[in-house]
Amino acid sequence: MHNFSDSCQRNQQPILEQLKPWLQQSVEVLEIGSGSGQHALHFSRALATINWQCTDRAMWLAALQANIQEAALDNVRPAIELDVDGVWPQRQFDMIYTANSLHIMGWDSVQALFNNLAEHLHTSGYFCCYGPFKYNGEFTSPSNANFENWLKDRDPQSGVRDFEALQALAEQQQLNLVTDIPMPANNQLLIWQKT
């Protein structure tokens, strides 16, 4: 597998177990920043009823598409380019999913992502976001604080995002928080629904 991720391997089953009730209500799923496609392939093997659209920025597409072709699943579509700052598919989905992406992007890109959610979700559709977050400016663990330092050394625009700031962006898009689920390794699964 190209661009294999150990963390994806560890977290894919815990995420699937928590996300399954919402995936079972969805048919068309868009993933932002699919990376290796490990989540897409794991979730799609478990649930034949979903159609999963993998995406990534142009530079990562070839490796992602190679993994999708190798898996040969009927319910995973060929990967397409998506850049939150401007390149989006011209259609709507029942769910938009992203994992471990908001802390990699600059804040402008996080805002661009949220600004596109309402347009690309069907009414009652879900936005599901997995990763580490801060609450009231506080990290949920010392390891997340260390992770933030590592991120900022790499790119000063990146960083663990404040839940309250994300919630404000969600409300601007008429997205209601459905649940905030604590996950292993000091991560959370946030699920919003378009009203």
N, C-alpha and C. Protein backbone atom coordinates (compact mmCIF):
# COMPACT_ATOMS: atom_id res chain seq x y z
N MET A 1 0.84 -1.20 0.00
CA MET A 1 0.00 0.00 0.00
C MET A 1 0.88 1.25 0.00
N HIS A 2 0.52 2.22 -0.83
CA HIS A 2 1.26 3.48 -0.91
C HIS A 2 0.87 4.39 0.27
N ASN A 3 1.86 5.12 0.81
CA ASN A 3 1.62 6.11 1.89
C ASN A 3 0.91 5.50 3.10
N PHE A 4 1.23 4.24 3.40
CA PHE A 4 0.59 3.56 4.53
C PHE A 4 0.77 4.34 5.82
N SER A 5 -0.30 4.44 6.62
CA SER A 5 -0.27 5.19 7.88
C SER A 5 -0.55 4.26 9.05
N ASP A 6 0.40 4.18 9.98
CA ASP A 6 0.20 3.37 11.19
C ASP A 6 -0.97 3.89 12.02
N SER A 7 -1.09 5.23 12.12
CA SER A 7 -2.18 5.78 12.95
C SER A 7 -3.54 5.45 12.35
N CYS A 8 -3.65 5.49 11.02
CA CYS A 8 -4.92 5.08 10.37
C CYS A 8 -5.24 3.63 10.69
N GLN A 9 -4.21 2.80 10.66
CA GLN A 9 -4.40 1.38 10.95
C GLN A 9 -4.94 1.18 12.37
N ARG A 10 -4.41 1.98 13.31
CA ARG A 10 -4.83 1.86 14.71
C ARG A 10 -6.23 2.41 14.95
N ASN A 11 -6.57 3.53 14.28
CA ASN A 11 -7.82 4.20 14.65
C ASN A 11 -9.02 3.84 13.77
N GLN A 12 -8.80 3.11 12.67
CA GLN A 12 -9.91 2.90 11.72
C GLN A 12 -11.07 2.11 12.34
N GLN A 13 -10.77 1.09 13.13
CA GLN A 13 -11.86 0.30 13.71
C GLN A 13 -12.60 1.07 14.81
N PRO A 14 -11.89 1.73 15.76
CA PRO A 14 -12.62 2.55 16.74
C PRO A 14 -13.49 3.64 16.09
N ILE A 15 -12.99 4.27 15.02
CA ILE A 15 -13.80 5.29 14.34
C ILE A 15 -15.02 4.64 13.70
N LEU A 16 -14.82 3.52 13.02
CA LEU A 16 -15.94 2.84 12.37
C LEU A 16 -17.03 2.48 13.39
N GLU A 17 -16.63 1.97 14.54
CA GLU A 17 -17.61 1.57 15.55
C GLU A 17 -18.48 2.75 15.99
N GLN A 18 -17.87 3.92 16.15
CA GLN A 18 -18.62 5.11 16.59
C GLN A 18 -19.41 5.75 15.44
N LEU A 19 -18.86 5.68 14.23
CA LEU A 19 -19.46 6.38 13.09
C LEU A 19 -20.57 5.57 12.42
N LYS A 20 -20.60 4.27 12.71
CA LYS A 20 -21.51 3.37 11.99
C LYS A 20 -22.98 3.84 12.01
N PRO A 21 -23.54 4.30 13.15
CA PRO A 21 -24.95 4.73 13.11
C PRO A 21 -25.22 5.84 12.09
N TRP A 22 -24.24 6.72 11.89
CA TRP A 22 -24.42 7.83 10.94
C TRP A 22 -24.12 7.37 9.52
N LEU A 23 -23.14 6.50 9.36
CA LEU A 23 -22.87 5.95 8.03
C LEU A 23 -24.05 5.13 7.53
N GLN A 24 -24.75 4.46 8.44
CA GLN A 24 -25.90 3.64 8.03
C GLN A 24 -27.07 4.50 7.56
N GLN A 25 -27.05 5.79 7.89
CA GLN A 25 -28.09 6.72 7.40
C GLN A 25 -27.66 7.41 6.11
N SER A 26 -26.44 7.12 5.64
CA SER A 26 -25.85 7.83 4.50
C SER A 26 -25.62 6.87 3.34
N VAL A 27 -25.68 7.41 2.13
CA VAL A 27 -25.34 6.64 0.94
C VAL A 27 -24.09 7.23 0.30
N GLU A 28 -24.16 8.51 -0.04
CA GLU A 28 -23.04 9.18 -0.72
C GLU A 28 -22.16 9.89 0.31
N VAL A 29 -20.90 9.44 0.41
CA VAL A 29 -19.96 10.00 1.39
C VAL A 29 -18.77 10.62 0.66
N LEU A 30 -18.43 11.83 1.04
CA LEU A 30 -17.26 12.53 0.52
C LEU A 30 -16.22 12.59 1.62
N GLU A 31 -15.01 12.13 1.34
CA GLU A 31 -13.93 12.24 2.31
C GLU A 31 -12.95 13.32 1.86
N ILE A 32 -12.64 14.23 2.76
CA ILE A 32 -11.66 15.30 2.47
C ILE A 32 -10.30 14.86 3.00
N GLY A 33 -9.32 14.82 2.11
CA GLY A 33 -7.96 14.44 2.51
C GLY A 33 -7.86 12.95 2.82
N SER A 34 -8.10 12.12 1.82
CA SER A 34 -8.15 10.66 2.05
C SER A 34 -6.78 10.05 2.32
N GLY A 35 -5.70 10.72 1.93
CA GLY A 35 -4.36 10.19 2.18
C GLY A 35 -4.17 8.86 1.48
N SER A 36 -3.88 7.81 2.25
CA SER A 36 -3.68 6.47 1.68
C SER A 36 -4.99 5.80 1.29
N GLY A 37 -6.12 6.33 1.79
CA GLY A 37 -7.42 5.70 1.54
C GLY A 37 -7.75 4.59 2.53
N GLN A 38 -6.95 4.44 3.58
CA GLN A 38 -7.17 3.32 4.51
C GLN A 38 -8.54 3.39 5.19
N HIS A 39 -8.95 4.59 5.64
CA HIS A 39 -10.28 4.72 6.26
C HIS A 39 -11.37 4.38 5.25
N ALA A 40 -11.26 4.94 4.06
CA ALA A 40 -12.28 4.70 3.02
C ALA A 40 -12.44 3.21 2.75
N LEU A 41 -11.33 2.52 2.61
CA LEU A 41 -11.38 1.10 2.26
C LEU A 41 -11.92 0.27 3.43
N HIS A 42 -11.48 0.60 4.64
CA HIS A 42 -11.94 -0.14 5.82
C HIS A 42 -13.45 0.05 6.03
N PHE A 43 -13.92 1.30 5.96
CA PHE A 43 -15.34 1.58 6.19
C PHE A 43 -16.20 0.97 5.07
N SER A 44 -15.71 1.04 3.84
CA SER A 44 -16.49 0.57 2.70
C SER A 44 -16.57 -0.95 2.64
N ARG A 45 -15.53 -1.63 3.14
CA ARG A 45 -15.61 -3.10 3.24
C ARG A 45 -16.67 -3.49 4.27
N ALA A 46 -16.78 -2.71 5.34
CA ALA A 46 -17.71 -3.04 6.42
C ALA A 46 -19.16 -2.73 6.06
N LEU A 47 -19.37 -1.73 5.18
CA LEU A 47 -20.72 -1.26 4.88
C LEU A 47 -20.91 -1.16 3.36
N ALA A 48 -21.51 -2.18 2.79
CA ALA A 48 -21.69 -2.22 1.33
C ALA A 48 -22.69 -1.18 0.83
N THR A 49 -23.48 -0.61 1.75
CA THR A 49 -24.54 0.33 1.35
C THR A 49 -24.03 1.74 1.07
N ILE A 50 -22.77 2.04 1.45
CA ILE A 50 -22.26 3.39 1.22
C ILE A 50 -21.46 3.45 -0.08
N ASN A 51 -21.50 4.62 -0.73
CA ASN A 51 -20.64 4.92 -1.88
C ASN A 51 -19.65 5.99 -1.43
N TRP A 52 -18.38 5.64 -1.41
CA TRP A 52 -17.36 6.51 -0.82
C TRP A 52 -16.57 7.22 -1.92
N GLN A 53 -16.51 8.55 -1.82
CA GLN A 53 -15.73 9.35 -2.76
C GLN A 53 -14.46 9.84 -2.07
N CYS A 54 -13.34 9.23 -2.42
CA CYS A 54 -12.04 9.69 -1.89
C CYS A 54 -11.59 10.94 -2.63
N THR A 55 -10.92 11.82 -1.89
CA THR A 55 -10.33 13.01 -2.51
C THR A 55 -9.00 13.32 -1.84
N ASP A 56 -8.20 14.10 -2.55
CA ASP A 56 -7.00 14.69 -1.96
C ASP A 56 -6.51 15.77 -2.90
N ARG A 57 -5.46 16.45 -2.47
CA ARG A 57 -4.86 17.44 -3.36
C ARG A 57 -4.13 16.71 -4.49
N ALA A 58 -3.94 17.42 -5.60
CA ALA A 58 -3.46 16.80 -6.84
C ALA A 58 -2.18 15.98 -6.63
N MET A 59 -1.27 16.48 -5.79
CA MET A 59 0.04 15.82 -5.64
C MET A 59 -0.07 14.43 -4.99
N TRP A 60 -1.16 14.16 -4.26
CA TRP A 60 -1.32 12.89 -3.56
C TRP A 60 -2.23 11.90 -4.28
N LEU A 61 -2.82 12.32 -5.38
CA LEU A 61 -3.87 11.50 -6.00
C LEU A 61 -3.37 10.18 -6.58
N ALA A 62 -2.19 10.16 -7.18
CA ALA A 62 -1.72 8.95 -7.87
C ALA A 62 -1.59 7.78 -6.89
N ALA A 63 -0.96 8.03 -5.74
CA ALA A 63 -0.78 6.96 -4.74
C ALA A 63 -2.13 6.51 -4.19
N LEU A 64 -3.01 7.48 -3.91
CA LEU A 64 -4.35 7.16 -3.41
C LEU A 64 -5.11 6.30 -4.41
N GLN A 65 -5.07 6.70 -5.67
CA GLN A 65 -5.81 5.96 -6.70
C GLN A 65 -5.24 4.55 -6.88
N ALA A 66 -3.93 4.39 -6.76
CA ALA A 66 -3.32 3.06 -6.86
C ALA A 66 -3.85 2.14 -5.76
N ASN A 67 -4.00 2.68 -4.54
CA ASN A 67 -4.54 1.88 -3.43
C ASN A 67 -5.99 1.50 -3.67
N ILE A 68 -6.77 2.44 -4.21
CA ILE A 68 -8.19 2.17 -4.49
C ILE A 68 -8.31 1.08 -5.56
N GLN A 69 -7.51 1.19 -6.61
CA GLN A 69 -7.57 0.19 -7.69
C GLN A 69 -7.18 -1.19 -7.18
N GLU A 70 -6.17 -1.23 -6.32
CA GLU A 70 -5.70 -2.50 -5.77
C GLU A 70 -6.80 -3.16 -4.92
N ALA A 71 -7.53 -2.35 -4.15
CA ALA A 71 -8.60 -2.88 -3.30
C ALA A 71 -9.79 -3.37 -4.11
N ALA A 72 -10.05 -2.72 -5.24
CA ALA A 72 -11.11 -3.13 -6.18
C ALA A 72 -12.47 -3.32 -5.50
N LEU A 73 -12.88 -2.30 -4.73
CA LEU A 73 -14.19 -2.34 -4.08
C LEU A 73 -15.21 -1.60 -4.96
N ASP A 74 -16.39 -2.21 -5.14
CA ASP A 74 -17.42 -1.60 -6.00
C ASP A 74 -17.93 -0.28 -5.45
N ASN A 75 -17.85 -0.10 -4.12
CA ASN A 75 -18.46 1.10 -3.52
C ASN A 75 -17.46 2.18 -3.16
N VAL A 76 -16.23 2.10 -3.70
CA VAL A 76 -15.25 3.19 -3.57
C VAL A 76 -14.96 3.73 -4.96
N ARG A 77 -15.31 5.00 -5.15
CA ARG A 77 -15.16 5.61 -6.47
C ARG A 77 -13.71 6.01 -6.73
N PRO A 78 -13.32 6.17 -8.00
CA PRO A 78 -11.98 6.69 -8.30
C PRO A 78 -11.75 8.03 -7.60
N ALA A 79 -10.54 8.23 -7.11
CA ALA A 79 -10.22 9.45 -6.36
C ALA A 79 -10.29 10.67 -7.27
N ILE A 80 -10.74 11.79 -6.69
CA ILE A 80 -10.77 13.06 -7.42
C ILE A 80 -10.04 14.13 -6.61
N GLU A 81 -9.64 15.18 -7.31
CA GLU A 81 -8.95 16.29 -6.64
C GLU A 81 -9.95 17.10 -5.81
N LEU A 82 -9.56 17.43 -4.59
CA LEU A 82 -10.29 18.39 -3.77
C LEU A 82 -9.27 19.21 -3.01
N ASP A 83 -9.33 20.51 -3.19
CA ASP A 83 -8.50 21.45 -2.43
C ASP A 83 -9.48 22.37 -1.74
N VAL A 84 -9.50 22.35 -0.41
CA VAL A 84 -10.54 23.09 0.33
C VAL A 84 -10.55 24.57 -0.03
N ASP A 85 -9.41 25.09 -0.51
CA ASP A 85 -9.33 26.52 -0.85
C ASP A 85 -9.93 26.85 -2.21
N GLY A 86 -10.43 25.84 -2.95
CA GLY A 86 -11.02 26.24 -4.22
C GLY A 86 -11.57 25.13 -5.09
N VAL A 87 -11.03 23.91 -5.04
CA VAL A 87 -11.46 22.85 -5.95
C VAL A 87 -12.37 21.87 -5.20
N TRP A 88 -13.69 21.93 -5.51
CA TRP A 88 -14.68 21.05 -4.89
C TRP A 88 -15.51 20.38 -5.98
N PRO A 89 -16.00 19.15 -5.73
CA PRO A 89 -16.92 18.54 -6.70
C PRO A 89 -18.24 19.30 -6.72
N GLN A 90 -18.85 19.38 -7.89
CA GLN A 90 -20.09 20.15 -8.04
C GLN A 90 -21.31 19.30 -7.75
N ARG A 91 -21.39 18.77 -6.53
CA ARG A 91 -22.56 17.97 -6.15
C ARG A 91 -22.67 17.93 -4.64
N GLN A 92 -23.77 17.33 -4.16
CA GLN A 92 -24.01 17.24 -2.72
C GLN A 92 -23.90 15.80 -2.25
N PHE A 93 -23.65 15.66 -0.94
CA PHE A 93 -23.41 14.35 -0.33
C PHE A 93 -24.25 14.21 0.94
N ASP A 94 -24.45 12.96 1.38
CA ASP A 94 -25.16 12.70 2.63
C ASP A 94 -24.24 12.91 3.83
N MET A 95 -22.93 12.69 3.61
CA MET A 95 -21.96 12.88 4.67
C MET A 95 -20.66 13.39 4.08
N ILE A 96 -20.02 14.31 4.80
CA ILE A 96 -18.65 14.72 4.50
C ILE A 96 -17.82 14.33 5.72
N TYR A 97 -16.73 13.63 5.47
CA TYR A 97 -15.90 13.06 6.53
C TYR A 97 -14.46 13.53 6.34
N THR A 98 -13.80 13.86 7.44
CA THR A 98 -12.37 14.13 7.38
C THR A 98 -11.71 13.72 8.69
N ALA A 99 -10.50 13.20 8.58
CA ALA A 99 -9.77 12.73 9.76
C ALA A 99 -8.36 13.31 9.77
N ASN A 100 -7.97 13.83 10.92
CA ASN A 100 -6.61 14.32 11.12
C ASN A 100 -6.16 15.30 10.03
N SER A 101 -7.07 16.22 9.68
CA SER A 101 -6.74 17.18 8.62
C SER A 101 -6.76 18.63 9.11
N LEU A 102 -7.65 18.97 10.03
CA LEU A 102 -7.80 20.39 10.40
C LEU A 102 -6.55 20.95 11.04
N HIS A 103 -5.79 20.12 11.77
CA HIS A 103 -4.58 20.63 12.41
C HIS A 103 -3.41 20.74 11.43
N ILE A 104 -3.53 20.12 10.26
CA ILE A 104 -2.49 20.22 9.22
C ILE A 104 -2.68 21.50 8.40
N MET A 105 -3.94 21.89 8.17
CA MET A 105 -4.27 23.07 7.35
C MET A 105 -3.98 24.36 8.13
N GLY A 106 -3.76 25.43 7.38
CA GLY A 106 -3.79 26.76 7.98
C GLY A 106 -5.22 27.13 8.34
N TRP A 107 -5.38 28.12 9.22
CA TRP A 107 -6.72 28.51 9.66
C TRP A 107 -7.58 29.01 8.50
N ASP A 108 -6.99 29.71 7.54
CA ASP A 108 -7.75 30.17 6.37
C ASP A 108 -8.37 28.99 5.63
N SER A 109 -7.62 27.90 5.54
CA SER A 109 -8.14 26.71 4.85
C SER A 109 -9.23 26.02 5.66
N VAL A 110 -9.09 26.02 6.99
CA VAL A 110 -10.16 25.47 7.84
C VAL A 110 -11.44 26.27 7.61
N GLN A 111 -11.32 27.59 7.56
CA GLN A 111 -12.50 28.43 7.30
C GLN A 111 -13.09 28.14 5.92
N ALA A 112 -12.23 27.95 4.92
CA ALA A 112 -12.70 27.65 3.56
C ALA A 112 -13.45 26.32 3.54
N LEU A 113 -12.93 25.34 4.28
CA LEU A 113 -13.60 24.05 4.37
C LEU A 113 -15.02 24.24 4.92
N PHE A 114 -15.13 24.89 6.06
CA PHE A 114 -16.45 25.08 6.67
C PHE A 114 -17.37 25.89 5.77
N ASN A 115 -16.82 26.88 5.07
CA ASN A 115 -17.64 27.73 4.20
C ASN A 115 -18.24 26.96 3.03
N ASN A 116 -17.68 25.79 2.72
CA ASN A 116 -18.19 24.97 1.62
C ASN A 116 -19.11 23.84 2.06
N LEU A 117 -19.23 23.62 3.36
CA LEU A 117 -19.96 22.44 3.83
C LEU A 117 -21.45 22.49 3.47
N ALA A 118 -22.10 23.60 3.78
CA ALA A 118 -23.55 23.67 3.57
C ALA A 118 -23.91 23.44 2.10
N GLU A 119 -23.10 24.01 1.21
CA GLU A 119 -23.36 23.89 -0.23
C GLU A 119 -23.21 22.45 -0.72
N HIS A 120 -22.36 21.67 -0.05
CA HIS A 120 -22.04 20.33 -0.53
C HIS A 120 -22.69 19.21 0.29
N LEU A 121 -23.55 19.59 1.24
CA LEU A 121 -24.30 18.59 2.01
C LEU A 121 -25.79 18.68 1.67
N HIS A 122 -26.42 17.51 1.53
CA HIS A 122 -27.87 17.47 1.46
C HIS A 122 -28.45 17.95 2.79
N THR A 123 -29.69 18.43 2.77
CA THR A 123 -30.37 18.77 4.02
C THR A 123 -30.39 17.54 4.91
N SER A 124 -30.09 17.74 6.19
CA SER A 124 -29.94 16.67 7.19
C SER A 124 -28.66 15.87 7.04
N GLY A 125 -27.77 16.27 6.11
CA GLY A 125 -26.49 15.58 5.96
C GLY A 125 -25.55 15.88 7.11
N TYR A 126 -24.52 15.05 7.26
CA TYR A 126 -23.60 15.13 8.40
C TYR A 126 -22.19 15.55 7.97
N PHE A 127 -21.56 16.35 8.81
CA PHE A 127 -20.13 16.60 8.70
C PHE A 127 -19.46 15.94 9.90
N CYS A 128 -18.56 15.00 9.63
CA CYS A 128 -17.90 14.22 10.69
C CYS A 128 -16.41 14.49 10.64
N CYS A 129 -15.87 14.87 11.77
CA CYS A 129 -14.49 15.32 11.82
C CYS A 129 -13.77 14.65 12.99
N TYR A 130 -12.68 13.95 12.69
CA TYR A 130 -11.92 13.22 13.71
C TYR A 130 -10.56 13.87 13.90
N GLY A 131 -10.11 13.95 15.15
CA GLY A 131 -8.77 14.46 15.41
C GLY A 131 -8.65 14.98 16.82
N PRO A 132 -7.50 15.61 17.14
CA PRO A 132 -7.32 16.24 18.45
C PRO A 132 -7.88 17.66 18.43
N PHE A 133 -8.47 18.08 19.54
CA PHE A 133 -9.00 19.45 19.64
C PHE A 133 -8.71 20.01 21.02
N LYS A 134 -8.71 21.34 21.11
CA LYS A 134 -8.61 22.04 22.40
C LYS A 134 -10.01 22.49 22.81
N TYR A 135 -10.24 22.60 24.13
CA TYR A 135 -11.51 23.08 24.66
C TYR A 135 -11.21 24.22 25.62
N ASN A 136 -11.88 25.37 25.38
CA ASN A 136 -11.61 26.57 26.19
C ASN A 136 -10.11 26.88 26.23
N GLY A 137 -9.46 26.67 25.08
CA GLY A 137 -8.04 26.99 24.96
C GLY A 137 -7.10 25.98 25.60
N GLU A 138 -7.67 24.91 26.18
CA GLU A 138 -6.84 23.92 26.91
C GLU A 138 -6.72 22.62 26.11
N PHE A 139 -5.51 22.06 26.10
CA PHE A 139 -5.30 20.75 25.49
C PHE A 139 -5.94 19.68 26.38
N THR A 140 -6.36 18.58 25.75
CA THR A 140 -6.97 17.49 26.53
C THR A 140 -5.91 16.56 27.11
N SER A 141 -4.65 16.74 26.71
CA SER A 141 -3.58 15.89 27.24
C SER A 141 -2.23 16.56 26.98
N PRO A 142 -1.20 16.24 27.79
CA PRO A 142 0.15 16.75 27.52
C PRO A 142 0.67 16.33 26.14
N SER A 143 0.31 15.11 25.70
CA SER A 143 0.79 14.66 24.39
C SER A 143 0.26 15.54 23.26
N ASN A 144 -0.99 16.04 23.39
CA ASN A 144 -1.53 16.94 22.37
C ASN A 144 -0.82 18.28 22.37
N ALA A 145 -0.41 18.75 23.54
CA ALA A 145 0.38 19.99 23.62
C ALA A 145 1.72 19.80 22.92
N ASN A 146 2.37 18.65 23.14
CA ASN A 146 3.63 18.35 22.46
C ASN A 146 3.43 18.24 20.95
N PHE A 147 2.30 17.64 20.56
CA PHE A 147 1.97 17.50 19.14
C PHE A 147 1.83 18.88 18.49
N GLU A 148 1.19 19.80 19.20
CA GLU A 148 1.04 21.17 18.68
C GLU A 148 2.41 21.81 18.44
N ASN A 149 3.35 21.64 19.38
CA ASN A 149 4.70 22.19 19.19
C ASN A 149 5.36 21.61 17.95
N TRP A 150 5.20 20.31 17.76
CA TRP A 150 5.77 19.64 16.58
C TRP A 150 5.13 20.18 15.29
N LEU A 151 3.80 20.35 15.31
CA LEU A 151 3.10 20.89 14.14
C LEU A 151 3.61 22.29 13.80
N LYS A 152 3.72 23.14 14.81
CA LYS A 152 4.09 24.54 14.56
C LYS A 152 5.55 24.68 14.13
N ASP A 153 6.41 23.76 14.58
CA ASP A 153 7.79 23.76 14.08
C ASP A 153 7.82 23.47 12.58
N ARG A 154 6.90 22.60 12.16
CA ARG A 154 6.79 22.22 10.75
C ARG A 154 6.17 23.32 9.91
N ASP A 155 5.07 23.90 10.45
CA ASP A 155 4.30 24.93 9.73
C ASP A 155 3.60 25.80 10.76
N PRO A 156 4.03 27.06 10.91
CA PRO A 156 3.44 27.94 11.94
C PRO A 156 1.93 28.16 11.77
N GLN A 157 1.40 27.92 10.55
CA GLN A 157 -0.04 28.11 10.30
C GLN A 157 -0.88 26.94 10.80
N SER A 158 -0.25 25.81 11.09
CA SER A 158 -0.99 24.63 11.53
C SER A 158 -1.17 24.66 13.04
N GLY A 159 -1.87 23.68 13.58
CA GLY A 159 -2.06 23.61 15.02
C GLY A 159 -3.35 22.91 15.41
N VAL A 160 -3.38 22.40 16.64
CA VAL A 160 -4.59 21.77 17.18
C VAL A 160 -5.67 22.85 17.31
N ARG A 161 -6.84 22.59 16.75
CA ARG A 161 -7.89 23.63 16.65
C ARG A 161 -8.75 23.69 17.91
N ASP A 162 -9.23 24.91 18.19
CA ASP A 162 -10.15 25.14 19.30
C ASP A 162 -11.55 24.70 18.90
N PHE A 163 -12.14 23.84 19.71
CA PHE A 163 -13.51 23.38 19.45
C PHE A 163 -14.47 24.57 19.30
N GLU A 164 -14.34 25.56 20.19
CA GLU A 164 -15.28 26.69 20.18
C GLU A 164 -15.21 27.47 18.87
N ALA A 165 -14.01 27.59 18.31
CA ALA A 165 -13.85 28.30 17.03
C ALA A 165 -14.50 27.50 15.90
N LEU A 166 -14.35 26.18 15.94
CA LEU A 166 -14.98 25.33 14.93
C LEU A 166 -16.50 25.37 15.05
N GLN A 167 -16.98 25.37 16.29
CA GLN A 167 -18.42 25.43 16.52
C GLN A 167 -19.00 26.74 15.96
N ALA A 168 -18.28 27.83 16.11
CA ALA A 168 -18.74 29.12 15.57
C ALA A 168 -18.82 29.06 14.04
N LEU A 169 -17.82 28.44 13.40
CA LEU A 169 -17.85 28.29 11.94
C LEU A 169 -19.02 27.40 11.51
N ALA A 170 -19.26 26.34 12.27
CA ALA A 170 -20.35 25.42 11.96
C ALA A 170 -21.71 26.13 12.04
N GLU A 171 -21.88 26.94 13.08
CA GLU A 171 -23.16 27.64 13.26
C GLU A 171 -23.42 28.61 12.11
N GLN A 172 -22.36 29.23 11.58
CA GLN A 172 -22.53 30.14 10.43
C GLN A 172 -23.06 29.39 9.20
N GLN A 173 -22.79 28.08 9.15
CA GLN A 173 -23.24 27.26 8.01
C GLN A 173 -24.53 26.49 8.32
N GLN A 174 -25.23 26.88 9.40
CA GLN A 174 -26.46 26.19 9.82
C GLN A 174 -26.21 24.70 10.10
N LEU A 175 -25.07 24.43 10.73
CA LEU A 175 -24.75 23.06 11.16
C LEU A 175 -24.90 22.98 12.67
N ASN A 176 -25.68 22.00 13.12
CA ASN A 176 -25.89 21.79 14.56
C ASN A 176 -25.00 20.65 15.05
N LEU A 177 -24.35 20.85 16.19
CA LEU A 177 -23.54 19.78 16.77
C LEU A 177 -24.47 18.68 17.26
N VAL A 178 -24.26 17.45 16.77
CA VAL A 178 -25.06 16.29 17.18
C VAL A 178 -24.39 15.59 18.36
N THR A 179 -23.06 15.40 18.26
CA THR A 179 -22.35 14.70 19.32
C THR A 179 -20.86 14.99 19.24
N ASP A 180 -20.20 14.83 20.36
CA ASP A 180 -18.75 15.00 20.50
C ASP A 180 -18.27 13.79 21.29
N ILE A 181 -17.65 12.84 20.59
CA ILE A 181 -17.35 11.53 21.17
C ILE A 181 -15.87 11.43 21.51
N PRO A 182 -15.52 11.21 22.78
CA PRO A 182 -14.10 10.98 23.11
C PRO A 182 -13.60 9.68 22.48
N MET A 183 -12.42 9.75 21.89
CA MET A 183 -11.84 8.60 21.18
C MET A 183 -10.48 8.24 21.79
N PRO A 184 -9.95 7.05 21.47
CA PRO A 184 -8.63 6.69 21.98
C PRO A 184 -7.55 7.69 21.56
N ALA A 185 -6.44 7.67 22.29
CA ALA A 185 -5.25 8.49 21.97
C ALA A 185 -5.56 9.98 21.98
N ASN A 186 -6.47 10.40 22.89
CA ASN A 186 -6.76 11.83 23.11
C ASN A 186 -7.31 12.53 21.86
N ASN A 187 -8.12 11.80 21.10
CA ASN A 187 -8.81 12.37 19.95
C ASN A 187 -10.30 12.46 20.23
N GLN A 188 -11.00 13.16 19.35
CA GLN A 188 -12.46 13.30 19.43
C GLN A 188 -13.05 13.04 18.06
N LEU A 189 -14.32 12.63 18.06
CA LEU A 189 -15.10 12.54 16.83
C LEU A 189 -16.26 13.52 16.95
N LEU A 190 -16.21 14.57 16.15
CA LEU A 190 -17.24 15.62 16.17
C LEU A 190 -18.20 15.38 15.01
N ILE A 191 -19.49 15.42 15.28
CA ILE A 191 -20.49 15.21 14.23
C ILE A 191 -21.49 16.36 14.27
N TRP A 192 -21.58 17.08 13.13
CA TRP A 192 -22.56 18.15 12.96
C TRP A 192 -23.58 17.72 11.89
N GLN A 193 -24.77 18.29 11.98
CA GLN A 193 -25.82 17.99 10.98
C GLN A 193 -26.33 19.29 10.39
N LYS A 194 -26.49 19.27 9.05
CA LYS A 194 -27.04 20.43 8.34
C LYS A 194 -28.55 20.51 8.60
N THR A 195 -29.02 21.69 8.98
CA THR A 195 -30.44 21.87 9.26
C THR A 195 -31.11 22.60 8.11
